N, C-alpha and C. Protein backbone atom coordinates (compact mmCIF):
# COMPACT_ATOMS: atom_id res chain seq x y z
N MET A 1 109.74 -84.66 -43.49
CA MET A 1 110.98 -84.57 -43.92
C MET A 1 111.40 -83.38 -44.73
N TYR A 2 112.40 -82.49 -44.29
CA TYR A 2 112.52 -81.20 -44.92
C TYR A 2 113.81 -81.29 -45.60
N ARG A 3 113.89 -80.75 -46.94
CA ARG A 3 115.29 -80.60 -47.55
C ARG A 3 115.17 -79.57 -48.27
N LEU A 4 116.48 -79.01 -48.23
CA LEU A 4 116.60 -77.45 -49.03
C LEU A 4 118.01 -77.69 -49.61
N LYS A 5 117.97 -77.13 -50.91
CA LYS A 5 119.15 -77.49 -51.72
C LYS A 5 119.32 -75.93 -52.43
N TYR A 6 120.42 -75.31 -52.23
CA TYR A 6 120.92 -73.96 -52.68
C TYR A 6 121.86 -73.89 -53.87
N HIS A 7 121.87 -73.16 -54.74
CA HIS A 7 122.69 -73.15 -55.73
C HIS A 7 122.82 -71.78 -56.28
N GLY A 8 124.20 -71.10 -56.09
CA GLY A 8 124.27 -69.62 -56.59
C GLY A 8 125.54 -69.19 -56.51
N PRO A 9 125.80 -67.97 -56.58
CA PRO A 9 127.17 -67.29 -56.23
C PRO A 9 127.86 -67.76 -55.04
N LEU A 10 126.81 -67.97 -53.90
CA LEU A 10 127.61 -68.31 -52.67
C LEU A 10 127.94 -69.61 -52.35
N GLY A 11 127.89 -70.51 -53.60
CA GLY A 11 128.33 -72.00 -53.46
C GLY A 11 127.14 -72.80 -53.57
N ASP A 12 127.24 -74.12 -53.34
CA ASP A 12 126.17 -75.22 -53.22
C ASP A 12 125.86 -75.35 -51.85
N HIS A 13 124.69 -75.55 -51.35
CA HIS A 13 124.40 -75.77 -50.05
C HIS A 13 123.44 -76.66 -50.00
N ASP A 14 123.15 -77.65 -49.12
CA ASP A 14 122.22 -78.47 -48.84
C ASP A 14 122.10 -78.92 -47.20
N ALA A 15 120.76 -79.24 -47.01
CA ALA A 15 120.57 -79.74 -45.73
C ALA A 15 119.22 -80.55 -45.64
N GLU A 16 119.19 -81.48 -44.60
CA GLU A 16 118.06 -82.23 -44.35
C GLU A 16 117.59 -82.09 -43.03
N MET A 17 116.34 -82.30 -42.70
CA MET A 17 115.90 -82.36 -41.17
C MET A 17 114.57 -83.25 -41.08
N VAL A 18 114.53 -84.19 -40.18
CA VAL A 18 113.45 -84.89 -40.15
C VAL A 18 112.87 -84.64 -38.93
N VAL A 19 111.48 -84.42 -38.98
CA VAL A 19 110.81 -83.93 -37.82
C VAL A 19 109.60 -84.69 -37.64
N LYS A 20 109.22 -84.99 -36.36
CA LYS A 20 108.02 -85.46 -35.93
C LYS A 20 107.09 -84.53 -35.57
N VAL A 21 105.68 -84.61 -35.95
CA VAL A 21 104.76 -83.50 -35.84
C VAL A 21 103.55 -84.30 -35.19
N ALA A 22 103.29 -83.55 -34.03
CA ALA A 22 102.11 -83.90 -33.15
C ALA A 22 100.98 -82.87 -33.35
N TYR A 23 99.61 -83.18 -33.86
CA TYR A 23 98.79 -82.13 -34.11
C TYR A 23 97.42 -82.55 -33.36
N GLN A 24 97.08 -81.45 -32.55
CA GLN A 24 95.90 -81.64 -31.81
C GLN A 24 94.87 -80.65 -32.13
N ALA A 25 93.69 -81.04 -32.86
CA ALA A 25 92.68 -79.83 -33.23
C ALA A 25 92.26 -79.18 -31.85
N PRO A 26 91.87 -77.69 -32.22
CA PRO A 26 91.97 -77.16 -33.42
C PRO A 26 93.23 -76.45 -33.63
N ALA A 27 94.14 -76.22 -32.49
CA ALA A 27 95.20 -75.35 -32.97
C ALA A 27 96.59 -75.68 -32.30
N LYS A 28 96.72 -76.84 -32.11
CA LYS A 28 98.05 -77.39 -31.21
C LYS A 28 98.90 -77.92 -32.08
N LYS A 29 100.24 -77.68 -32.43
CA LYS A 29 100.94 -78.37 -33.32
C LYS A 29 102.44 -78.33 -32.45
N GLN A 30 102.93 -79.51 -32.50
CA GLN A 30 104.33 -79.53 -31.72
C GLN A 30 105.29 -80.12 -32.60
N PHE A 31 106.25 -79.69 -32.54
CA PHE A 31 107.48 -80.32 -33.49
C PHE A 31 108.52 -80.80 -32.73
N THR A 32 108.94 -82.02 -32.83
CA THR A 32 110.16 -82.66 -32.41
C THR A 32 111.24 -83.08 -33.56
N VAL A 33 112.42 -82.28 -33.33
CA VAL A 33 113.49 -82.73 -34.43
C VAL A 33 114.14 -83.99 -34.01
N ILE A 34 114.01 -85.11 -35.09
CA ILE A 34 114.32 -86.41 -34.87
C ILE A 34 115.95 -86.43 -35.28
N SER A 35 116.31 -85.78 -36.48
CA SER A 35 117.65 -85.79 -36.99
C SER A 35 117.71 -84.46 -37.98
N GLN A 36 119.06 -84.12 -38.14
CA GLN A 36 119.35 -83.16 -39.11
C GLN A 36 120.94 -83.41 -39.61
N SER A 37 120.91 -82.92 -40.97
CA SER A 37 122.31 -82.92 -41.41
C SER A 37 122.66 -82.09 -42.44
N GLY A 38 123.96 -81.86 -42.81
CA GLY A 38 124.13 -80.86 -43.90
C GLY A 38 124.57 -79.49 -43.29
N SER A 39 124.00 -78.42 -44.06
CA SER A 39 124.57 -77.01 -43.75
C SER A 39 123.89 -76.71 -42.43
N LYS A 40 124.72 -76.29 -41.53
CA LYS A 40 124.27 -75.79 -40.15
C LYS A 40 123.66 -74.63 -40.27
N PHE A 41 124.05 -73.80 -41.23
CA PHE A 41 123.12 -72.23 -41.32
C PHE A 41 121.65 -72.53 -41.70
N ILE A 42 121.59 -73.67 -42.72
CA ILE A 42 120.07 -73.93 -43.12
C ILE A 42 119.40 -74.61 -42.15
N ASN A 43 119.95 -75.47 -41.33
CA ASN A 43 119.24 -76.04 -40.23
C ASN A 43 118.87 -75.22 -38.98
N ASP A 44 119.88 -74.36 -38.63
CA ASP A 44 119.71 -73.61 -37.67
C ASP A 44 118.72 -72.20 -37.97
N ARG A 45 119.02 -71.67 -39.16
CA ARG A 45 118.43 -70.49 -39.07
C ARG A 45 117.02 -70.74 -40.35
N ILE A 46 117.17 -71.66 -41.32
CA ILE A 46 116.01 -71.49 -42.26
C ILE A 46 115.03 -72.35 -41.77
N PHE A 47 115.37 -73.81 -41.39
CA PHE A 47 114.48 -74.84 -40.88
C PHE A 47 113.75 -74.49 -39.77
N LYS A 48 114.64 -73.70 -38.74
CA LYS A 48 114.12 -73.14 -37.59
C LYS A 48 112.76 -72.24 -37.93
N LYS A 49 113.23 -71.29 -38.68
CA LYS A 49 112.11 -70.24 -39.20
C LYS A 49 110.97 -70.87 -39.99
N LEU A 50 111.28 -72.07 -40.55
CA LEU A 50 109.99 -72.66 -41.38
C LEU A 50 109.00 -73.15 -40.17
N LEU A 51 109.54 -73.75 -39.11
CA LEU A 51 108.78 -74.40 -38.18
C LEU A 51 107.91 -73.48 -37.31
N GLU A 52 108.87 -72.25 -37.06
CA GLU A 52 108.03 -71.42 -36.40
C GLU A 52 106.92 -70.69 -37.02
N GLY A 53 107.07 -70.95 -38.53
CA GLY A 53 106.14 -70.05 -39.38
C GLY A 53 104.80 -71.04 -39.29
N GLU A 54 105.04 -72.35 -39.34
CA GLU A 54 104.01 -73.47 -39.45
C GLU A 54 103.16 -73.21 -38.05
N GLN A 55 103.81 -72.91 -37.01
CA GLN A 55 103.22 -72.95 -35.70
C GLN A 55 102.39 -71.63 -35.57
N GLU A 56 102.81 -70.60 -36.22
CA GLU A 56 102.12 -69.48 -36.39
C GLU A 56 100.96 -69.27 -37.19
N ALA A 57 101.14 -70.00 -38.27
CA ALA A 57 99.67 -70.30 -39.13
C ALA A 57 98.82 -71.09 -38.63
N PHE A 58 99.05 -71.97 -37.63
CA PHE A 58 98.22 -72.74 -37.04
C PHE A 58 97.15 -72.18 -35.80
N ARG A 59 97.87 -70.91 -35.46
CA ARG A 59 96.86 -70.36 -34.56
C ARG A 59 95.64 -69.98 -34.85
N LEU A 60 94.50 -70.20 -34.04
CA LEU A 60 93.13 -69.91 -34.50
C LEU A 60 92.93 -68.61 -35.36
N GLU A 61 93.36 -67.26 -34.86
CA GLU A 61 93.10 -66.10 -35.54
C GLU A 61 93.59 -66.23 -36.93
N ASN A 62 94.91 -67.15 -37.18
CA ASN A 62 95.38 -67.14 -38.48
C ASN A 62 94.87 -68.14 -39.37
N GLN A 63 94.26 -69.05 -38.84
CA GLN A 63 93.45 -69.72 -39.60
C GLN A 63 92.12 -69.45 -40.03
N GLU A 64 91.38 -68.54 -39.47
CA GLU A 64 90.39 -67.96 -39.69
C GLU A 64 90.66 -66.90 -40.95
N ALA A 65 91.72 -66.30 -40.75
CA ALA A 65 92.39 -65.20 -41.71
C ALA A 65 92.87 -65.83 -42.92
N THR A 66 93.12 -67.03 -43.09
CA THR A 66 93.75 -67.71 -44.21
C THR A 66 92.94 -68.81 -44.74
N ALA A 67 91.78 -69.22 -44.13
CA ALA A 67 90.77 -70.21 -44.57
C ALA A 67 90.59 -70.10 -45.86
N LEU A 68 90.58 -71.31 -46.89
CA LEU A 68 90.11 -71.22 -48.25
C LEU A 68 88.74 -70.93 -48.47
N ASN A 69 88.22 -69.83 -48.39
CA ASN A 69 86.87 -69.38 -48.26
C ASN A 69 86.88 -68.05 -49.02
N THR A 70 85.40 -67.81 -49.23
CA THR A 70 85.18 -66.55 -50.09
C THR A 70 85.17 -65.18 -49.30
N ASP A 71 85.58 -65.47 -47.87
CA ASP A 71 86.21 -64.09 -47.22
C ASP A 71 87.45 -63.66 -47.52
N ASN A 72 88.28 -64.74 -47.95
CA ASN A 72 89.65 -64.55 -47.95
C ASN A 72 90.14 -64.59 -49.45
N TYR A 73 89.30 -65.22 -50.41
CA TYR A 73 89.51 -65.46 -51.65
C TYR A 73 88.76 -65.18 -52.64
N ALA A 74 88.94 -64.81 -53.87
CA ALA A 74 88.14 -64.69 -54.99
C ALA A 74 88.28 -65.70 -55.83
N PHE A 75 87.24 -66.79 -56.24
CA PHE A 75 87.52 -67.64 -57.00
C PHE A 75 86.72 -67.88 -58.29
N GLU A 76 87.46 -68.57 -59.09
CA GLU A 76 86.87 -68.41 -60.77
C GLU A 76 87.16 -70.04 -61.08
N LEU A 77 86.03 -70.67 -61.44
CA LEU A 77 86.09 -72.11 -61.94
C LEU A 77 86.86 -72.12 -63.33
N LYS A 78 87.88 -72.95 -63.47
CA LYS A 78 88.64 -72.95 -64.78
C LYS A 78 88.66 -74.17 -65.42
N GLY A 79 88.00 -75.15 -64.72
CA GLY A 79 87.90 -76.51 -65.55
C GLY A 79 87.50 -77.62 -64.55
N TYR A 80 87.52 -78.72 -65.39
CA TYR A 80 87.04 -79.94 -64.81
C TYR A 80 87.91 -81.20 -65.40
N GLU A 81 88.73 -81.97 -64.73
CA GLU A 81 89.27 -83.00 -65.37
C GLU A 81 89.06 -84.40 -64.76
N GLU A 82 89.24 -85.47 -65.54
CA GLU A 82 89.17 -86.83 -65.12
C GLU A 82 90.72 -87.31 -64.84
N THR A 83 90.81 -87.80 -63.72
CA THR A 83 92.26 -88.38 -63.63
C THR A 83 91.92 -89.83 -62.96
N SER A 84 93.15 -90.54 -63.00
CA SER A 84 93.18 -92.10 -62.52
C SER A 84 92.81 -92.03 -61.09
N GLU A 85 92.87 -90.91 -60.29
CA GLU A 85 92.59 -90.99 -58.97
C GLU A 85 91.31 -90.30 -58.64
N GLY A 86 90.51 -89.92 -59.66
CA GLY A 86 89.20 -89.57 -59.57
C GLY A 86 89.08 -87.98 -60.24
N ALA A 87 87.99 -87.71 -60.28
CA ALA A 87 87.57 -86.18 -60.98
C ALA A 87 88.03 -85.03 -60.02
N ARG A 88 88.40 -84.05 -60.90
CA ARG A 88 88.90 -82.83 -60.22
C ARG A 88 88.27 -81.67 -60.60
N TYR A 89 87.97 -80.64 -59.68
CA TYR A 89 87.65 -79.34 -60.45
C TYR A 89 88.88 -78.38 -60.25
N ILE A 90 89.08 -77.56 -60.97
CA ILE A 90 90.17 -76.68 -61.09
C ILE A 90 89.73 -75.41 -60.77
N LEU A 91 90.18 -74.70 -59.91
CA LEU A 91 89.82 -73.18 -59.56
C LEU A 91 91.06 -72.37 -59.52
N SER A 92 91.03 -71.23 -59.99
CA SER A 92 91.76 -69.85 -59.79
C SER A 92 91.53 -69.20 -58.31
N VAL A 93 92.57 -69.02 -57.73
CA VAL A 93 92.27 -68.34 -56.40
C VAL A 93 93.10 -66.95 -56.40
N LEU A 94 92.51 -65.85 -56.08
CA LEU A 94 93.21 -64.53 -55.91
C LEU A 94 92.92 -64.07 -54.44
N PRO A 95 93.71 -63.79 -53.65
CA PRO A 95 93.66 -63.33 -52.31
C PRO A 95 93.01 -61.89 -52.25
N ARG A 96 92.12 -61.91 -51.27
CA ARG A 96 91.70 -60.66 -50.85
C ARG A 96 92.27 -59.48 -50.13
N SER A 97 93.47 -60.01 -49.56
CA SER A 97 94.45 -59.22 -48.76
C SER A 97 95.88 -59.62 -49.31
N LYS A 98 96.78 -58.93 -48.78
CA LYS A 98 98.19 -59.38 -48.70
C LYS A 98 98.80 -60.06 -47.73
N ASN A 99 97.77 -60.95 -46.96
CA ASN A 99 98.50 -61.62 -45.83
C ASN A 99 99.63 -62.52 -46.15
N LYS A 100 100.61 -62.59 -45.32
CA LYS A 100 101.88 -63.49 -45.97
C LYS A 100 101.43 -64.95 -45.88
N PHE A 101 100.29 -65.35 -45.42
CA PHE A 101 99.90 -66.72 -45.45
C PHE A 101 98.89 -67.07 -46.71
N LEU A 102 98.55 -66.11 -47.42
CA LEU A 102 97.56 -66.35 -48.44
C LEU A 102 98.60 -66.46 -49.87
N TYR A 103 97.89 -66.93 -50.80
CA TYR A 103 98.61 -67.24 -52.07
C TYR A 103 97.51 -67.05 -53.32
N ARG A 104 98.37 -66.83 -54.44
CA ARG A 104 97.42 -66.80 -55.57
C ARG A 104 97.90 -67.74 -56.66
N GLY A 105 96.84 -68.40 -57.27
CA GLY A 105 97.26 -69.58 -58.31
C GLY A 105 95.94 -70.16 -58.49
N LYS A 106 96.43 -71.76 -58.43
CA LYS A 106 95.30 -72.57 -58.70
C LYS A 106 95.13 -73.82 -57.78
N VAL A 107 93.82 -74.19 -57.50
CA VAL A 107 93.86 -75.28 -56.84
C VAL A 107 92.97 -76.35 -57.49
N TRP A 108 93.31 -77.75 -57.20
CA TRP A 108 92.52 -78.71 -57.60
C TRP A 108 91.62 -79.30 -56.44
N VAL A 109 90.42 -79.66 -56.72
CA VAL A 109 89.45 -80.00 -55.53
C VAL A 109 89.08 -81.15 -56.09
N ASP A 110 88.97 -82.36 -55.17
CA ASP A 110 88.35 -83.57 -55.51
C ASP A 110 86.67 -83.24 -55.41
N ALA A 111 86.21 -83.87 -56.71
CA ALA A 111 84.99 -83.64 -57.07
C ALA A 111 83.80 -84.56 -56.28
N VAL A 112 84.52 -85.38 -55.37
CA VAL A 112 83.44 -86.19 -54.40
C VAL A 112 83.55 -85.57 -52.88
N ASP A 113 84.77 -85.41 -52.50
CA ASP A 113 84.95 -85.01 -51.15
C ASP A 113 85.03 -83.51 -51.01
N PHE A 114 85.18 -82.70 -52.10
CA PHE A 114 85.37 -81.28 -52.13
C PHE A 114 86.49 -80.89 -51.24
N ALA A 115 87.70 -81.80 -51.37
CA ALA A 115 88.79 -81.39 -50.64
C ALA A 115 90.00 -81.14 -51.59
N ILE A 116 90.73 -80.27 -51.07
CA ILE A 116 91.79 -79.69 -51.82
C ILE A 116 92.90 -80.72 -52.01
N VAL A 117 93.23 -81.19 -53.40
CA VAL A 117 94.05 -82.33 -53.68
C VAL A 117 95.63 -81.77 -54.17
N ARG A 118 95.39 -80.63 -54.72
CA ARG A 118 96.82 -80.05 -55.22
C ARG A 118 96.65 -78.50 -55.30
N ILE A 119 97.67 -77.91 -54.94
CA ILE A 119 97.87 -76.27 -54.96
C ILE A 119 99.13 -76.13 -55.68
N VAL A 120 99.14 -75.01 -56.81
CA VAL A 120 100.13 -74.43 -57.48
C VAL A 120 99.83 -72.90 -57.48
N ALA A 121 100.97 -72.33 -56.74
CA ALA A 121 100.57 -71.03 -56.48
C ALA A 121 101.96 -70.29 -56.01
N GLU A 122 101.78 -68.90 -55.98
CA GLU A 122 102.68 -68.18 -55.23
C GLU A 122 102.29 -67.25 -54.35
N PRO A 123 103.12 -66.76 -53.20
CA PRO A 123 102.64 -65.95 -51.86
C PRO A 123 101.92 -64.71 -52.44
N ALA A 124 100.90 -64.42 -51.92
CA ALA A 124 100.27 -63.11 -51.92
C ALA A 124 101.28 -61.98 -51.49
N LYS A 125 102.19 -62.12 -50.69
CA LYS A 125 103.11 -61.22 -50.33
C LYS A 125 104.36 -61.83 -50.03
N SER A 126 105.49 -61.31 -50.66
CA SER A 126 106.71 -61.63 -50.41
C SER A 126 107.31 -61.68 -49.13
N PRO A 127 107.67 -62.69 -48.34
CA PRO A 127 108.18 -62.69 -46.75
C PRO A 127 109.31 -61.94 -46.91
N SER A 128 110.13 -61.54 -47.72
CA SER A 128 111.37 -60.73 -47.58
C SER A 128 111.88 -60.17 -48.85
N PHE A 129 112.41 -58.95 -48.70
CA PHE A 129 113.09 -58.33 -49.91
C PHE A 129 113.88 -59.16 -50.74
N TRP A 130 114.62 -60.02 -50.11
CA TRP A 130 115.70 -60.89 -50.77
C TRP A 130 115.06 -61.77 -51.66
N ILE A 131 113.71 -62.12 -51.37
CA ILE A 131 113.25 -63.16 -52.06
C ILE A 131 112.43 -62.49 -53.62
N LYS A 132 112.95 -62.88 -54.64
CA LYS A 132 112.46 -62.29 -55.69
C LYS A 132 111.30 -62.95 -56.24
N LYS A 133 111.08 -64.12 -56.28
CA LYS A 133 109.94 -64.98 -56.82
C LYS A 133 109.96 -66.32 -56.07
N SER A 134 108.75 -66.85 -55.58
CA SER A 134 108.77 -68.21 -55.12
C SER A 134 107.53 -68.82 -55.91
N MET A 135 107.52 -70.13 -56.22
CA MET A 135 106.53 -70.83 -56.56
C MET A 135 106.28 -72.30 -55.77
N ILE A 136 105.16 -72.37 -55.53
CA ILE A 136 105.00 -73.63 -54.59
C ILE A 136 103.95 -74.66 -55.16
N GLU A 137 104.10 -75.83 -55.04
CA GLU A 137 103.32 -76.80 -55.40
C GLU A 137 103.19 -77.85 -54.12
N GLN A 138 101.89 -77.84 -53.92
CA GLN A 138 101.41 -79.00 -52.65
C GLN A 138 100.76 -79.85 -53.15
N THR A 139 100.77 -81.28 -52.64
CA THR A 139 99.90 -82.17 -53.00
C THR A 139 99.29 -82.83 -51.60
N TYR A 140 98.10 -83.51 -51.79
CA TYR A 140 97.45 -84.07 -50.50
C TYR A 140 97.08 -85.33 -50.83
N VAL A 141 96.91 -86.26 -49.77
CA VAL A 141 96.59 -87.69 -49.80
C VAL A 141 95.49 -87.76 -48.76
N LYS A 142 94.53 -88.87 -49.17
CA LYS A 142 93.45 -89.08 -48.31
C LYS A 142 93.87 -90.23 -47.23
N VAL A 143 93.84 -89.99 -46.05
CA VAL A 143 94.25 -91.10 -45.06
C VAL A 143 92.90 -91.37 -44.21
N ASP A 144 92.41 -92.62 -44.20
CA ASP A 144 90.96 -92.67 -43.62
C ASP A 144 90.17 -91.63 -44.03
N SER A 145 89.54 -90.77 -43.27
CA SER A 145 88.56 -89.97 -43.83
C SER A 145 89.22 -88.34 -43.79
N PHE A 146 90.40 -88.36 -43.83
CA PHE A 146 91.09 -87.08 -43.69
C PHE A 146 92.04 -86.84 -44.94
N TRP A 147 91.84 -85.61 -45.62
CA TRP A 147 92.80 -85.26 -46.55
C TRP A 147 94.15 -84.68 -45.75
N LEU A 148 95.39 -85.15 -45.99
CA LEU A 148 96.35 -84.64 -45.45
C LEU A 148 97.68 -84.33 -46.15
N PRO A 149 98.45 -83.43 -45.80
CA PRO A 149 99.35 -83.09 -46.88
C PRO A 149 100.32 -84.41 -47.25
N ALA A 150 100.76 -84.41 -48.45
CA ALA A 150 101.44 -85.45 -49.01
C ALA A 150 102.72 -85.00 -49.11
N GLY A 151 102.92 -83.81 -49.87
CA GLY A 151 104.48 -83.19 -50.35
C GLY A 151 104.11 -81.96 -50.60
N SER A 152 105.45 -80.96 -50.74
CA SER A 152 105.36 -79.77 -51.03
C SER A 152 107.04 -79.33 -51.61
N ARG A 153 106.71 -78.54 -52.47
CA ARG A 153 107.92 -78.30 -53.22
C ARG A 153 107.97 -76.63 -53.55
N THR A 154 109.02 -76.06 -53.03
CA THR A 154 108.99 -74.49 -53.31
C THR A 154 110.36 -74.11 -53.88
N GLU A 155 110.26 -73.45 -54.94
CA GLU A 155 111.35 -72.89 -55.72
C GLU A 155 111.39 -71.32 -55.75
N THR A 156 112.40 -71.00 -54.89
CA THR A 156 112.85 -69.57 -54.68
C THR A 156 113.75 -68.70 -55.24
N VAL A 157 113.67 -67.98 -56.11
CA VAL A 157 114.75 -67.28 -56.85
C VAL A 157 115.09 -66.11 -55.72
N VAL A 158 116.37 -66.14 -55.37
CA VAL A 158 116.95 -65.27 -54.33
C VAL A 158 117.42 -64.16 -54.82
N ARG A 159 117.18 -62.91 -54.57
CA ARG A 159 117.52 -61.64 -55.25
C ARG A 159 118.95 -61.47 -55.07
N LEU A 160 119.64 -61.64 -56.22
CA LEU A 160 121.40 -61.39 -56.56
C LEU A 160 121.96 -62.53 -56.24
N SER A 161 121.36 -63.57 -55.61
CA SER A 161 122.26 -64.65 -55.15
C SER A 161 121.74 -66.29 -55.34
N GLY A 162 120.95 -66.41 -56.52
CA GLY A 162 120.70 -67.66 -56.76
C GLY A 162 119.23 -68.34 -56.54
N LEU A 163 119.48 -69.77 -56.56
CA LEU A 163 117.90 -70.73 -56.50
C LEU A 163 117.87 -71.40 -55.28
N ALA A 164 117.02 -71.41 -54.45
CA ALA A 164 116.81 -72.27 -53.65
C ALA A 164 115.63 -73.24 -53.64
N VAL A 165 115.67 -74.30 -53.43
CA VAL A 165 114.57 -75.52 -53.93
C VAL A 165 114.30 -76.30 -52.36
N LEU A 166 113.21 -76.06 -51.98
CA LEU A 166 112.77 -76.45 -50.59
C LEU A 166 111.73 -77.63 -50.98
N SER A 167 112.01 -78.80 -50.17
CA SER A 167 110.82 -80.01 -50.59
C SER A 167 110.45 -80.57 -49.18
N ILE A 168 109.10 -80.79 -49.06
CA ILE A 168 108.95 -81.36 -47.56
C ILE A 168 108.05 -82.50 -47.99
N GLU A 169 108.48 -83.71 -47.47
CA GLU A 169 107.86 -84.97 -47.49
C GLU A 169 107.00 -85.31 -46.22
N TYR A 170 105.72 -85.54 -46.25
CA TYR A 170 105.07 -86.04 -45.20
C TYR A 170 104.38 -87.45 -45.40
N ARG A 171 104.74 -88.20 -44.27
CA ARG A 171 104.64 -89.64 -44.20
C ARG A 171 104.44 -90.07 -42.75
N ASP A 172 103.96 -91.23 -42.89
CA ASP A 172 103.94 -92.17 -41.38
C ASP A 172 102.68 -91.59 -40.61
N TYR A 173 101.58 -91.22 -41.25
CA TYR A 173 100.57 -90.56 -40.68
C TYR A 173 100.07 -91.49 -39.50
N LYS A 174 99.59 -91.19 -38.30
CA LYS A 174 99.22 -92.00 -37.35
C LYS A 174 97.79 -91.06 -36.89
N ILE A 175 96.66 -91.55 -36.96
CA ILE A 175 95.32 -90.79 -36.68
C ILE A 175 95.02 -91.33 -35.15
N VAL A 176 94.89 -90.69 -34.24
CA VAL A 176 94.29 -91.01 -32.87
C VAL A 176 93.12 -90.60 -32.38
N GLU A 177 91.95 -91.06 -32.15
CA GLU A 177 90.72 -90.41 -31.65
C GLU A 177 90.23 -89.44 -32.59
N ALA A 178 90.19 -89.81 -33.82
CA ALA A 178 89.61 -88.99 -34.79
C ALA A 178 88.20 -88.92 -34.99
N ASP A 179 87.94 -87.62 -35.20
CA ASP A 179 86.25 -87.33 -35.08
C ASP A 179 85.97 -87.17 -36.77
N PRO A 180 84.94 -88.01 -37.20
CA PRO A 180 84.79 -88.13 -38.40
C PRO A 180 84.15 -86.79 -39.17
N LEU A 181 83.37 -86.03 -38.16
CA LEU A 181 82.70 -84.89 -38.45
C LEU A 181 83.95 -83.80 -38.60
N MET A 182 84.77 -83.71 -37.90
CA MET A 182 85.96 -82.86 -37.68
C MET A 182 86.60 -82.89 -39.19
N ALA A 183 86.93 -84.32 -39.36
CA ALA A 183 87.45 -84.40 -40.46
C ALA A 183 86.83 -84.03 -41.82
N LEU A 184 85.58 -84.22 -41.85
CA LEU A 184 84.80 -83.62 -43.06
C LEU A 184 84.80 -82.20 -43.25
N ASP A 185 84.74 -81.64 -41.76
CA ASP A 185 84.81 -80.11 -41.99
C ASP A 185 85.95 -79.50 -42.27
N SER A 186 87.26 -80.37 -42.18
CA SER A 186 88.48 -79.89 -42.57
C SER A 186 88.63 -80.01 -44.04
N THR A 187 87.84 -80.82 -44.76
CA THR A 187 88.25 -81.09 -46.24
C THR A 187 87.44 -80.45 -47.17
N VAL A 188 86.04 -79.62 -46.77
CA VAL A 188 85.26 -79.20 -47.49
C VAL A 188 85.46 -77.80 -47.66
N ALA A 189 86.43 -77.15 -47.39
CA ALA A 189 86.79 -75.62 -47.30
C ALA A 189 86.52 -75.20 -48.78
N ALA A 190 86.65 -75.88 -50.03
CA ALA A 190 86.50 -75.28 -51.19
C ALA A 190 85.06 -75.34 -51.51
N LYS A 191 84.05 -76.03 -51.00
CA LYS A 191 82.59 -76.24 -51.36
C LYS A 191 82.01 -75.14 -51.54
N PRO A 192 81.77 -74.11 -50.43
CA PRO A 192 81.11 -72.87 -50.50
C PRO A 192 81.38 -72.23 -51.90
N ALA A 193 82.74 -72.18 -52.41
CA ALA A 193 82.89 -71.48 -53.61
C ALA A 193 82.41 -72.14 -54.89
N LEU A 194 82.37 -73.54 -54.71
CA LEU A 194 81.95 -74.23 -55.93
C LEU A 194 80.52 -74.27 -55.88
N ASP A 195 79.85 -74.19 -55.04
CA ASP A 195 78.48 -73.98 -54.92
C ASP A 195 78.19 -72.67 -55.72
N GLN A 196 78.83 -71.61 -55.76
CA GLN A 196 78.59 -70.52 -56.45
C GLN A 196 78.69 -70.42 -57.75
N LEU A 197 79.37 -71.49 -58.27
CA LEU A 197 79.98 -71.57 -59.66
C LEU A 197 79.26 -72.48 -60.53
N ASP A 198 79.18 -72.15 -61.86
CA ASP A 198 78.55 -73.25 -62.65
C ASP A 198 79.55 -74.09 -63.10
N ALA A 199 79.66 -75.44 -63.00
CA ALA A 199 80.64 -76.40 -63.28
C ALA A 199 80.59 -76.30 -65.10
N PRO A 200 81.67 -76.65 -65.57
CA PRO A 200 81.70 -76.92 -67.08
C PRO A 200 81.34 -78.24 -67.40
N ASP A 201 80.86 -78.40 -68.46
CA ASP A 201 80.09 -79.65 -68.95
C ASP A 201 81.13 -80.89 -68.73
N LYS A 202 80.78 -81.92 -68.26
CA LYS A 202 81.65 -83.01 -67.95
C LYS A 202 81.84 -83.85 -69.46
N PRO A 203 83.03 -84.36 -69.63
CA PRO A 203 83.04 -85.31 -70.80
C PRO A 203 82.21 -86.37 -70.70
């Protein structure tokens, strides 16, 4: 479910779109719009661009260029924390290029599965002159053997014209004919970086 709220000199606007997503590894993602409400401009122009961007990011060539690995990022281990949901490593990540799908910020990595569980970052490259600043927070949840997106929130300061807040909620996952090995491969993206770093002393 996509929700966007805008507040600024152009007034207050909001919209919501419910989308069904079918994903087939390694690079097929299909979107079906179930319902939409609110601002027609947001639904037709902004949400449509978001869906197109997600499809573009899932192309094999883009997956390789944006994978969370040492080819695309410089990593630094910042800490280790215990939570009610398990232990986490905290890494800072700096992109090695200004690819529009890369980001700079921090990632939290599950200490058992070496899967990304949280990201707080900003894009490596602004997607538009009109966007002054964007901050993104993404969370992930374990479903069967897979770590999958749970939610995303992006606050964007629009140059000269206000603040836009985009939230995405992922739910009702159905995994069909899943390959456990493929699931494992998809969740250990951060492990090579961790293997090259000395973990801080655990409490």
